[in-house]
C-alpha cells in the first residue's frame, strides 16, 4: 500500500502543478485584452492624428515635386551658363584674331 499511496501522492502533486499552470495561463489570457487595449492606446498617443498624417503626405508630395522642378531649372541654368561660356570664349578668340590681323596689316 505505501507504494500506491506514494504514486497517488505524486500523481496528485503533478496534477495540482498542471492545474496551477493552467490557471496561471488562464489568468494571463484574461489579461491579454487589457494589454492589447493598452498597446493600442499607447500607439494612438504616439502617432499623430490622421488629418495631420494626410497633411504631412501632401507636404511631402509638394516638396518632392518642387524638388523635381528645381532640379529641372538648375539643369536649364547650367546649360545656359555653359552655352554662354562657349559663346564668350568664341568672342574672345574672334576678338583676339581680329586684333592680331589688324596688327599684322598695320605692319607693327
C-alpha atoms as a PDB file:
ATOM      1  CA  UNK A   1       0.000   0.000   0.000  1.00  0.00           C
ATOM      2  CA  UNK A   2       2.707   2.564   0.630  1.00  0.00           C
ATOM      3  CA  UNK A   3       3.824   2.307  -2.982  1.00  0.00           C
ATOM      4  CA  UNK A   4       0.400   3.049  -4.335  1.00  0.00           C
ATOM      5  CA  UNK A   5      -0.057   5.867  -1.832  1.00  0.00           C
ATOM      6  CA  UNK A   6       3.267   7.424  -2.898  1.00  0.00           C
ATOM      7  CA  UNK A   7       2.304   7.012  -6.523  1.00  0.00           C
ATOM      8  CA  UNK A   8      -1.091   8.595  -5.878  1.00  0.00           C
ATOM      9  CA  UNK A   9       0.560  11.448  -3.954  1.00  0.00           C
ATOM     10  CA  UNK A  10       2.991  12.079  -6.791  1.00  0.00           C
ATOM     11  CA  UNK A  11       0.203  11.907  -9.348  1.00  0.00           C
ATOM     12  CA  UNK A  12      -1.871  14.291  -7.251  1.00  0.00           C
ATOM     13  CA  UNK A  13       1.065  16.710  -6.949  1.00  0.00           C
ATOM     14  CA  UNK A  14       1.678  16.546 -10.703  1.00  0.00           C
ATOM     15  CA  UNK A  15      -1.985  17.211 -11.435  1.00  0.00           C
ATOM     16  CA  UNK A  16      -2.059  20.092  -8.941  1.00  0.00           C
ATOM     17  CA  UNK A  17       1.014  21.591 -10.621  1.00  0.00           C
ATOM     18  CA  UNK A  18      -0.615  21.220 -14.045  1.00  0.00           C
ATOM     19  CA  UNK A  19      -3.773  22.780 -12.653  1.00  0.00           C
ATOM     20  CA  UNK A  20      -1.776  25.697 -11.243  1.00  0.00           C
ATOM     21  CA  UNK A  21      -0.020  26.187 -14.595  1.00  0.00           C
ATOM     22  CA  UNK A  22      -3.324  26.096 -16.459  1.00  0.00           C
ATOM     23  CA  UNK A  23      -4.900  28.573 -14.035  1.00  0.00           C
ATOM     24  CA  UNK A  24      -1.905  30.896 -14.482  1.00  0.00           C
ATOM     25  CA  UNK A  25      -2.264  30.617 -18.254  1.00  0.00           C
ATOM     26  CA  UNK A  26      -5.976  31.379 -17.985  1.00  0.00           C
ATOM     27  CA  UNK A  27      -5.198  34.489 -15.892  1.00  0.00           C
ATOM     28  CA  UNK A  28      -2.618  35.587 -18.446  1.00  0.00           C
ATOM     29  CA  UNK A  29      -5.111  35.122 -21.278  1.00  0.00           C
ATOM     30  CA  UNK A  30      -7.784  37.026 -19.367  1.00  0.00           C
ATOM     31  CA  UNK A  31      -5.369  39.961 -19.057  1.00  0.00           C
ATOM     32  CA  UNK A  32      -4.476  39.808 -22.765  1.00  0.00           C
ATOM     33  CA  UNK A  33      -7.358  42.048 -23.980  1.00  0.00           C
ATOM     34  CA  UNK A  34      -6.368  44.701 -21.424  1.00  0.00           C
ATOM     35  CA  UNK A  35      -2.740  44.515 -22.559  1.00  0.00           C
ATOM     36  CA  UNK A  36      -3.726  44.805 -26.235  1.00  0.00           C
ATOM     37  CA  UNK A  37      -6.042  47.717 -25.453  1.00  0.00           C
ATOM     38  CA  UNK A  38      -3.218  49.433 -23.555  1.00  0.00           C
ATOM     39  CA  UNK A  39      -0.844  48.953 -26.503  1.00  0.00           C
ATOM     40  CA  UNK A  40      -3.419  50.420 -28.901  1.00  0.00           C
ATOM     41  CA  UNK A  41      -3.940  53.423 -26.650  1.00  0.00           C
ATOM     42  CA  UNK A  42      -0.187  53.952 -26.437  1.00  0.00           C
ATOM     43  CA  UNK A  43       0.145  53.745 -30.232  1.00  0.00           C
ATOM     44  CA  UNK A  44      -2.724  56.180 -30.698  1.00  0.00           C
ATOM     45  CA  UNK A  45      -0.995  58.612 -28.344  1.00  0.00           C
ATOM     46  CA  UNK A  46       2.305  58.290 -30.184  1.00  0.00           C
ATOM     47  CA  UNK A  47       1.025  58.607 -33.769  1.00  0.00           C
ATOM     48  CA  UNK A  48      -0.223  61.964 -34.976  1.00  0.00           C
ATOM     49  CA  UNK A  49      -3.894  62.236 -35.903  1.00  0.00           C
ATOM     50  CA  UNK A  50      -4.960  61.057 -39.362  1.00  0.00           C
ATOM     51  CA  UNK A  51      -5.564  64.612 -40.567  1.00  0.00           C
ATOM     52  CA  UNK A  52      -2.001  65.531 -39.681  1.00  0.00           C
ATOM     53  CA  UNK A  53      -0.698  62.444 -41.460  1.00  0.00           C
ATOM     54  CA  UNK A  54      -2.606  63.445 -44.596  1.00  0.00           C
ATOM     55  CA  UNK A  55      -1.169  66.977 -44.349  1.00  0.00           C
ATOM     56  CA  UNK A  56       2.329  65.588 -43.970  1.00  0.00           C
ATOM     57  CA  UNK A  57       1.840  63.357 -47.001  1.00  0.00           C
ATOM     58  CA  UNK A  58       0.611  66.297 -49.111  1.00  0.00           C
ATOM     59  CA  UNK A  59       3.542  68.402 -47.894  1.00  0.00           C
ATOM     60  CA  UNK A  60       5.990  65.645 -48.806  1.00  0.00           C
ATOM     61  CA  UNK A  61       4.478  65.278 -52.286  1.00  0.00           C
ATOM     62  CA  UNK A  62       4.677  69.037 -52.785  1.00  0.00           C
ATOM     63  CA  UNK A  63       8.307  69.142 -51.689  1.00  0.00           C
ATOM     64  CA  UNK A  64       9.119  66.239 -53.984  1.00  0.00           C
ATOM     65  CA  UNK A  65       7.508  67.944 -56.970  1.00  0.00           C
ATOM     66  CA  UNK A  66       9.218  71.234 -56.093  1.00  0.00           C
ATOM     67  CA  UNK A  67      12.495  69.370 -55.892  1.00  0.00           C
ATOM     68  CA  UNK A  68      11.948  67.927 -59.363  1.00  0.00           C
ATOM     69  CA  UNK A  69      11.139  71.354 -60.798  1.00  0.00           C
ATOM     70  CA  UNK A  70      14.105  72.885 -59.030  1.00  0.00           C
ATOM     71  CA  UNK A  71      16.317  70.186 -60.486  1.00  0.00           C
ATOM     72  CA  UNK A  72      14.953  70.854 -63.966  1.00  0.00           C
ATOM     73  CA  UNK A  73      15.525  74.594 -63.519  1.00  0.00           C
ATOM     74  CA  UNK A  74      19.079  74.017 -62.288  1.00  0.00           C
ATOM     75  CA  UNK A  75      19.820  71.899 -65.353  1.00  0.00           C
ATOM     76  CA  UNK A  76      18.482  74.654 -67.612  1.00  0.00           C
ATOM     77  CA  UNK A  77      20.592  77.248 -65.827  1.00  0.00           C
ATOM     78  CA  UNK A  78      23.687  75.046 -66.154  1.00  0.00           C
ATOM     79  CA  UNK A  79      23.050  74.503 -69.867  1.00  0.00           C
ATOM     80  CA  UNK A  80      22.597  78.248 -70.404  1.00  0.00           C
ATOM     81  CA  UNK A  81      25.755  79.004 -68.436  1.00  0.00           C
ATOM     82  CA  UNK A  82      27.796  76.525 -70.476  1.00  0.00           C
ATOM     83  CA  UNK A  83      26.391  77.940 -73.720  1.00  0.00           C
ATOM     84  CA  UNK A  84      27.183  81.494 -72.627  1.00  0.00           C
ATOM     85  CA  UNK A  85      30.688  80.434 -71.588  1.00  0.00           C
ATOM     86  CA  UNK A  86      31.300  78.866 -75.007  1.00  0.00           C
ATOM     87  CA  UNK A  87      29.987  81.991 -76.745  1.00  0.00           C
ATOM     88  CA  UNK A  88      32.174  84.185 -74.548  1.00  0.00           C
ATOM     89  CA  UNK A  89      35.288  82.123 -75.312  1.00  0.00           C
ATOM     90  CA  UNK A  90      34.471  82.252 -79.031  1.00  0.00           C
ATOM     91  CA  UNK A  91      34.003  86.033 -78.840  1.00  0.00           C
ATOM     92  CA  UNK A  92      37.352  86.455 -77.057  1.00  0.00           C
ATOM     93  CA  UNK A  93      39.088  84.260 -79.643  1.00  0.00           C
ATOM     94  CA  UNK A  94      37.437  86.141 -82.519  1.00  0.00           C
ATOM     95  CA  UNK A  95      38.411  89.494 -80.997  1.00  0.00           C
ATOM     96  CA  UNK A  96      41.971  88.283 -80.432  1.00  0.00           C
ATOM     97  CA  UNK A  97      42.169  87.073 -84.033  1.00  0.00           C
ATOM     98  CA  UNK A  98      40.810  90.375 -85.293  1.00  0.00           C
ATOM     99  CA  UNK A  99      43.348  92.345 -83.211  1.00  0.00           C
ATOM    100  CA  UNK A 100      46.163  90.078 -84.424  1.00  0.00           C
ATOM    101  CA  UNK A 101      45.109  90.530 -88.059  1.00  0.00           C
ATOM    102  CA  UNK A 102      44.818  94.318 -87.567  1.00  0.00           C
ATOM    103  CA  UNK A 103      48.318  94.496 -86.101  1.00  0.00           C
ATOM    104  CA  UNK A 104      49.726  92.460 -88.998  1.00  0.00           C
ATOM    105  CA  UNK A 105      48.072  94.730 -91.602  1.00  0.00           C
ATOM    106  CA  UNK A 106      49.399  97.819 -89.905  1.00  0.00           C
ATOM    107  CA  UNK A 107      52.880  96.329 -90.017  1.00  0.00           C
ATOM    108  CA  UNK A 108      53.664  96.702 -86.410  1.00  0.00           C
END
